PDB file of N, CA and C in Angstrom:
ATOM      1  N   MET A   1       0.857  -1.174   0.000  1.00  0.00           N
ATOM      2  CA  MET A   1       0.000   0.000   0.000  1.00  0.00           C
ATOM      3  C   MET A   1       0.902   1.236   0.000  1.00  0.00           C
ATOM      4  N   ASP A   2       0.549   2.167  -0.752  1.00  0.00           N
ATOM      5  CA  ASP A   2       1.290   3.411  -0.915  1.00  0.00           C
ATOM      6  C   ASP A   2       1.151   4.298   0.328  1.00  0.00           C
ATOM      7  N   ILE A   3       2.192   4.995   0.699  1.00  0.00           N
ATOM      8  CA  ILE A   3       2.163   5.864   1.885  1.00  0.00           C
ATOM      9  C   ILE A   3       1.171   7.009   1.698  1.00  0.00           C
ATOM     10  N   ALA A   4       1.104   7.568   0.518  1.00  0.00           N
ATOM     11  CA  ALA A   4       0.168   8.665   0.251  1.00  0.00           C
ATOM     12  C   ALA A   4      -1.276   8.194   0.407  1.00  0.00           C
ATOM     13  N   LEU A   5      -1.560   6.996  -0.054  1.00  0.00           N
ATOM     14  CA  LEU A   5      -2.911   6.440   0.062  1.00  0.00           C
ATOM     15  C   LEU A   5      -3.276   6.204   1.524  1.00  0.00           C
ATOM     16  N   MET A   6      -2.301   5.702   2.293  1.00  0.00           N
ATOM     17  CA  MET A   6      -2.541   5.487   3.724  1.00  0.00           C
ATOM     18  C   MET A   6      -2.787   6.813   4.440  1.00  0.00           C
ATOM     19  N   SER A   7      -2.028   7.831   4.061  1.00  0.00           N
ATOM     20  CA  SER A   7      -2.190   9.148   4.662  1.00  0.00           C
ATOM     21  C   SER A   7      -3.564   9.727   4.357  1.00  0.00           C
ATOM     22  N   MET A   8      -4.018   9.579   3.123  1.00  0.00           N
ATOM     23  CA  MET A   8      -5.333  10.077   2.737  1.00  0.00           C
ATOM     24  C   MET A   8      -6.440   9.329   3.484  1.00  0.00           C
ATOM     25  N   SER A   9      -6.289   8.040   3.622  1.00  0.00           N
ATOM     26  CA  SER A   9      -7.287   7.233   4.331  1.00  0.00           C
ATOM     27  C   SER A   9      -7.373   7.643   5.795  1.00  0.00           C
ATOM     28  N   LEU A  10      -6.225   7.860   6.421  1.00  0.00           N
ATOM     29  CA  LEU A  10      -6.189   8.275   7.816  1.00  0.00           C
ATOM     30  C   LEU A  10      -6.829   9.649   7.985  1.00  0.00           C
ATOM     31  N   SER A  11      -6.518  10.555   7.080  1.00  0.00           N
ATOM     32  CA  SER A  11      -7.083  11.902   7.135  1.00  0.00           C
ATOM     33  C   SER A  11      -8.599  11.864   6.972  1.00  0.00           C
ATOM     34  N   GLN A  12      -9.067  11.050   6.039  1.00  0.00           N
ATOM     35  CA  GLN A  12     -10.513  10.933   5.815  1.00  0.00           C
ATOM     36  C   GLN A  12     -11.204  10.354   7.046  1.00  0.00           C
ATOM     37  N   GLY A  13     -10.599   9.374   7.680  1.00  0.00           N
ATOM     38  CA  GLY A  13     -11.166   8.790   8.895  1.00  0.00           C
ATOM     39  C   GLY A  13     -11.244   9.800  10.018  1.00  0.00           C
ATOM     40  N   GLN A  14     -10.217  10.646  10.142  1.00  0.00           N
ATOM     41  CA  GLN A  14     -10.221  11.675  11.185  1.00  0.00           C
ATOM     42  C   GLN A  14     -11.316  12.703  10.931  1.00  0.00           C
ATOM     43  N   ILE A  15     -11.528  13.069   9.687  1.00  0.00           N
ATOM     44  CA  ILE A  15     -12.578  14.035   9.339  1.00  0.00           C
ATOM     45  C   ILE A  15     -13.955  13.460   9.648  1.00  0.00           C
ATOM     46  N   GLN A  16     -14.170  12.195   9.336  1.00  0.00           N
ATOM     47  CA  GLN A  16     -15.451  11.552   9.640  1.00  0.00           C
ATOM     48  C   GLN A  16     -15.687  11.499  11.142  1.00  0.00           C
ATOM     49  N   GLN A  17     -14.626  11.225  11.903  1.00  0.00           N
ATOM     50  CA  GLN A  17     -14.752  11.175  13.354  1.00  0.00           C
ATOM     51  C   GLN A  17     -15.078  12.554  13.915  1.00  0.00           C
ATOM     52  N   GLN A  18     -14.457  13.599  13.392  1.00  0.00           N
ATOM     53  CA  GLN A  18     -14.739  14.959  13.846  1.00  0.00           C
ATOM     54  C   GLN A  18     -16.176  15.361  13.515  1.00  0.00           C
ATOM     55  N   ALA A  19     -16.649  14.980  12.341  1.00  0.00           N
ATOM     56  CA  ALA A  19     -18.028  15.292  11.955  1.00  0.00           C
ATOM     57  C   ALA A  19     -19.018  14.570  12.868  1.00  0.00           C
ATOM     58  N   SER A  20     -18.752  13.318  13.168  1.00  0.00           N
ATOM     59  CA  SER A  20     -19.632  12.560  14.061  1.00  0.00           C
ATOM     60  C   SER A  20     -19.660  13.179  15.447  1.00  0.00           C
ATOM     61  N   LEU A  21     -18.519  13.605  15.925  1.00  0.00           N
ATOM     62  CA  LEU A  21     -18.436  14.237  17.239  1.00  0.00           C
ATOM     63  C   LEU A  21     -19.214  15.553  17.263  1.00  0.00           C
ATOM     64  N   SER A  22     -19.122  16.323  16.191  1.00  0.00           N
ATOM     65  CA  SER A  22     -19.860  17.588  16.122  1.00  0.00           C
ATOM     66  C   SER A  22     -21.374  17.356  16.144  1.00  0.00           C
ATOM     67  N   VAL A  23     -21.832  16.364  15.406  1.00  0.00           N
ATOM     68  CA  VAL A  23     -23.262  16.050  15.384  1.00  0.00           C
ATOM     69  C   VAL A  23     -23.724  15.592  16.765  1.00  0.00           C
ATOM     70  N   MET A  24     -22.919  14.778  17.432  1.00  0.00           N
ATOM     71  CA  MET A  24     -23.275  14.303  18.764  1.00  0.00           C
ATOM     72  C   MET A  24     -23.319  15.454  19.763  1.00  0.00           C
ATOM     73  N   GLU A  25     -22.393  16.400  19.664  1.00  0.00           N
ATOM     74  CA  GLU A  25     -22.395  17.555  20.559  1.00  0.00           C
ATOM     75  C   GLU A  25     -23.644  18.408  20.349  1.00  0.00           C
ATOM     76  N   MET A  26     -24.065  18.570  19.086  1.00  0.00           N
ATOM     77  CA  MET A  26     -25.284  19.334  18.816  1.00  0.00           C
ATOM     78  C   MET A  26     -26.498  18.621  19.402  1.00  0.00           C
ATOM     79  N   ALA A  27     -26.565  17.309  19.257  1.00  0.00           N
ATOM     80  CA  ALA A  27     -27.688  16.546  19.801  1.00  0.00           C
ATOM     81  C   ALA A  27     -27.715  16.641  21.325  1.00  0.00           C
ATOM     82  N   MET A  28     -26.555  16.589  21.947  1.00  0.00           N
ATOM     83  CA  MET A  28     -26.489  16.707  23.399  1.00  0.00           C
ATOM     84  C   MET A  28     -26.937  18.094  23.856  1.00  0.00           C
ATOM     85  N   GLY A  29     -26.575  19.120  23.103  1.00  0.00           N
ATOM     86  CA  GLY A  29     -27.005  20.480  23.426  1.00  0.00           C
ATOM     87  C   GLY A  29     -28.515  20.618  23.342  1.00  0.00           C
ATOM     88  N   ASN A  30     -29.108  20.027  22.300  1.00  0.00           N
ATOM     89  CA  ASN A  30     -30.563  20.071  22.144  1.00  0.00           C
ATOM     90  C   ASN A  30     -31.257  19.328  23.283  1.00  0.00           C
ATOM     91  N   ALA A  31     -30.723  18.180  23.655  1.00  0.00           N
ATOM     92  CA  ALA A  31     -31.315  17.398  24.743  1.00  0.00           C
ATOM     93  C   ALA A  31     -31.219  18.164  26.065  1.00  0.00           C
ATOM     94  N   LYS A  32     -30.123  18.839  26.263  1.00  0.00           N
ATOM     95  CA  LYS A  32     -29.951  19.629  27.494  1.00  0.00           C
ATOM     96  C   LYS A  32     -30.971  20.767  27.546  1.00  0.00           C
ATOM     97  N   GLN A  33     -31.178  21.450  26.424  1.00  0.00           N
ATOM     98  CA  GLN A  33     -32.163  22.529  26.380  1.00  0.00           C
ATOM     99  C   GLN A  33     -33.568  21.998  26.656  1.00  0.00           C
ATOM    100  N   GLN A  34     -33.916  20.871  26.072  1.00  0.00           N
ATOM    101  CA  GLN A  34     -35.239  20.292  26.292  1.00  0.00           C
ATOM    102  C   GLN A  34     -35.406  19.876  27.744  1.00  0.00           C
ATOM    103  N   GLY A  35     -34.368  19.314  28.324  1.00  0.00           N
ATOM    104  CA  GLY A  35     -34.421  18.917  29.730  1.00  0.00           C
ATOM    105  C   GLY A  35     -34.611  20.112  30.645  1.00  0.00           C
ATOM    106  N   GLU A  36     -33.919  21.202  30.353  1.00  0.00           N
ATOM    107  CA  GLU A  36     -34.069  22.409  31.159  1.00  0.00           C
ATOM    108  C   GLU A  36     -35.475  22.983  31.022  1.00  0.00           C
ATOM    109  N   ALA A  37     -36.044  22.931  29.821  1.00  0.00           N
ATOM    110  CA  ALA A  37     -37.397  23.439  29.613  1.00  0.00           C
ATOM    111  C   ALA A  37     -38.414  22.605  30.386  1.00  0.00           C
ATOM    112  N   VAL A  38     -38.255  21.287  30.379  1.00  0.00           N
ATOM    113  CA  VAL A  38     -39.159  20.410  31.133  1.00  0.00           C
ATOM    114  C   VAL A  38     -39.013  20.666  32.629  1.00  0.00           C
ATOM    115  N   LYS A  39     -37.784  20.823  33.076  1.00  0.00           N
ATOM    116  CA  LYS A  39     -37.522  21.099  34.493  1.00  0.00           C
ATOM    117  C   LYS A  39     -38.186  22.408  34.918  1.00  0.00           C
ATOM    118  N   GLU A  40     -38.076  23.430  34.077  1.00  0.00           N
ATOM    119  CA  GLU A  40     -38.695  24.725  34.384  1.00  0.00           C
ATOM    120  C   GLU A  40     -40.211  24.609  34.399  1.00  0.00           C
ATOM    121  N   LEU A  41     -40.764  23.867  33.469  1.00  0.00           N
ATOM    122  CA  LEU A  41     -42.210  23.695  33.398  1.00  0.00           C
ATOM    123  C   LEU A  41     -42.734  22.968  34.629  1.00  0.00           C
ATOM    124  N   ILE A  42     -42.022  21.943  35.051  1.00  0.00           N
ATOM    125  CA  ILE A  42     -42.450  21.188  36.234  1.00  0.00           C
ATOM    126  C   ILE A  42     -42.325  22.035  37.493  1.00  0.00           C
ATOM    127  N   SER A  43     -41.255  22.816  37.590  1.00  0.00           N
ATOM    128  CA  SER A  43     -41.043  23.610  38.793  1.00  0.00           C
ATOM    129  C   SER A  43     -42.005  24.791  38.881  1.00  0.00           C
ATOM    130  N   SER A  44     -42.632  25.156  37.785  1.00  0.00           N
ATOM    131  CA  SER A  44     -43.556  26.292  37.811  1.00  0.00           C
ATOM    132  C   SER A  44     -44.865  25.937  38.513  1.00  0.00           C
ATOM    133  N   SER A  45     -45.117  24.666  38.727  1.00  0.00           N
ATOM    134  CA  SER A  45     -46.310  24.166  39.428  1.00  0.00           C
ATOM    135  C   SER A  45     -47.609  24.581  38.750  1.00  0.00           C
ATOM    136  N   ASN A  46     -47.561  24.868  37.500  1.00  0.00           N
ATOM    137  CA  ASN A  46     -48.759  25.212  36.752  1.00  0.00           C
ATOM    138  C   ASN A  46     -49.278  23.923  36.113  1.00  0.00           C
ATOM    139  N   VAL A  47     -50.189  23.264  36.798  1.00  0.00           N
ATOM    140  CA  VAL A  47     -50.676  21.950  36.375  1.00  0.00           C
ATOM    141  C   VAL A  47     -51.377  22.033  35.024  1.00  0.00           C
ATOM    142  N   LYS A  48     -52.166  23.070  34.816  1.00  0.00           N
ATOM    143  CA  LYS A  48     -52.900  23.195  33.553  1.00  0.00           C
ATOM    144  C   LYS A  48     -51.930  23.334  32.369  1.00  0.00           C
ATOM    145  N   ALA A  49     -50.891  24.135  32.536  1.00  0.00           N
ATOM    146  CA  ALA A  49     -49.909  24.302  31.467  1.00  0.00           C
ATOM    147  C   ALA A  49     -49.164  22.997  31.221  1.00  0.00           C
ATOM    148  N   LEU A  50     -48.869  22.264  32.285  1.00  0.00           N
ATOM    149  CA  LEU A  50     -48.176  20.980  32.149  1.00  0.00           C
ATOM    150  C   LEU A  50     -49.043  19.969  31.403  1.00  0.00           C
ATOM    151  N   GLN A  51     -50.330  19.927  31.736  1.00  0.00           N
ATOM    152  CA  GLN A  51     -51.238  19.007  31.055  1.00  0.00           C
ATOM    153  C   GLN A  51     -51.394  19.397  29.578  1.00  0.00           C
ATOM    154  N   GLN A  52     -51.477  20.690  29.306  1.00  0.00           N
ATOM    155  CA  GLN A  52     -51.614  21.155  27.932  1.00  0.00           C
ATOM    156  C   GLN A  52     -50.363  20.812  27.121  1.00  0.00           C
ATOM    157  N   ALA A  53     -49.192  20.930  27.734  1.00  0.00           N
ATOM    158  CA  ALA A  53     -47.946  20.609  27.035  1.00  0.00           C
ATOM    159  C   ALA A  53     -47.855  19.107  26.761  1.00  0.00           C
ATOM    160  N   ALA A  54     -48.351  18.289  27.693  1.00  0.00           N
ATOM    161  CA  ALA A  54     -48.269  16.844  27.536  1.00  0.00           C
ATOM    162  C   ALA A  54     -49.251  16.327  26.493  1.00  0.00           C
ATOM    163  N   GLN A  55     -50.441  16.923  26.456  1.00  0.00           N
ATOM    164  CA  GLN A  55     -51.476  16.485  25.510  1.00  0.00           C
ATOM    165  C   GLN A  55     -52.132  17.716  24.871  1.00  0.00           C
ATOM    166  N   PRO A  56     -51.445  18.348  23.927  1.00  0.00           N
ATOM    167  CA  PRO A  56     -51.947  19.612  23.368  1.00  0.00           C
ATOM    168  C   PRO A  56     -53.228  19.483  22.545  1.00  0.00           C
ATOM    169  N   HIS A  57     -53.566  18.269  22.109  1.00  0.00           N
ATOM    170  CA  HIS A  57     -54.743  18.088  21.263  1.00  0.00           C
ATOM    171  C   HIS A  57     -56.033  18.016  22.084  1.00  0.00           C
ATOM    172  N   LEU A  58     -55.948  17.821  23.398  1.00  0.00           N
ATOM    173  CA  LEU A  58     -57.151  17.687  24.218  1.00  0.00           C
ATOM    174  C   LEU A  58     -57.729  19.052  24.600  1.00  0.00           C
ATOM    175  N   GLY A  59     -59.008  19.161  24.593  1.00  0.00           N
ATOM    176  CA  GLY A  59     -59.685  20.373  25.033  1.00  0.00           C
ATOM    177  C   GLY A  59     -59.787  21.468  24.003  1.00  0.00           C
ATOM    178  N   GLY A  60     -59.362  21.218  22.800  1.00  0.00           N
ATOM    179  CA  GLY A  60     -59.412  22.246  21.779  1.00  0.00           C
ATOM    180  C   GLY A  60     -60.757  22.324  21.064  1.00  0.00           C
ATOM    181  N   ASN A  61     -61.551  21.269  21.117  1.00  0.00           N
ATOM    182  CA  ASN A  61     -62.824  21.213  20.404  1.00  0.00           C
ATOM    183  C   ASN A  61     -63.921  20.731  21.336  1.00  0.00           C
ATOM    184  N   ILE A  62     -65.140  21.183  21.054  1.00  0.00           N
ATOM    185  CA  ILE A  62     -66.313  20.720  21.801  1.00  0.00           C
ATOM    186  C   ILE A  62     -67.280  20.136  20.778  1.00  0.00           C
ATOM    187  N   ASP A  63     -67.695  18.896  20.998  1.00  0.00           N
ATOM    188  CA  ASP A  63     -68.653  18.232  20.119  1.00  0.00           C
ATOM    189  C   ASP A  63     -70.051  18.410  20.713  1.00  0.00           C
ATOM    190  N   LEU A  64     -70.955  18.983  19.917  1.00  0.00           N
ATOM    191  CA  LEU A  64     -72.335  19.166  20.362  1.00  0.00           C
ATOM    192  C   LEU A  64     -73.268  18.398  19.433  1.00  0.00           C
ATOM    193  N   LYS A  65     -74.264  17.735  20.025  1.00  0.00           N
ATOM    194  CA  LYS A  65     -75.275  17.046  19.239  1.00  0.00           C
ATOM    195  C   LYS A  65     -76.633  17.537  19.730  1.00  0.00           C
ATOM    196  N   LEU A  66     -77.473  17.934  18.796  1.00  0.00           N
ATOM    197  CA  LEU A  66     -78.806  18.438  19.146  1.00  0.00           C
ATOM    198  C   LEU A  66     -79.872  17.462  18.757  1.00  0.00           C
TER     199      LEU A  66
END
C-alpha cells in the first residue's frame, strides 16, 4: 500500500470522526435545552400548562349534538 494512500485514508477517517463528534455535541445540546425546559415547566407548578404541554390536542374542540 502506498504511503500517500494510507495518509489520505487516515485523514478521511479523522474528518469523519470529527463530523460525528460535532453532530453528537449538537444533539447533546438540544437534549440539554429540552431537559431544562421540562424542568422549568415542572417547577412552575402550573398543572394546567403541564397538562396542555403533555397532551396539546385535548380540550381544543367541543362536540355538540342536538
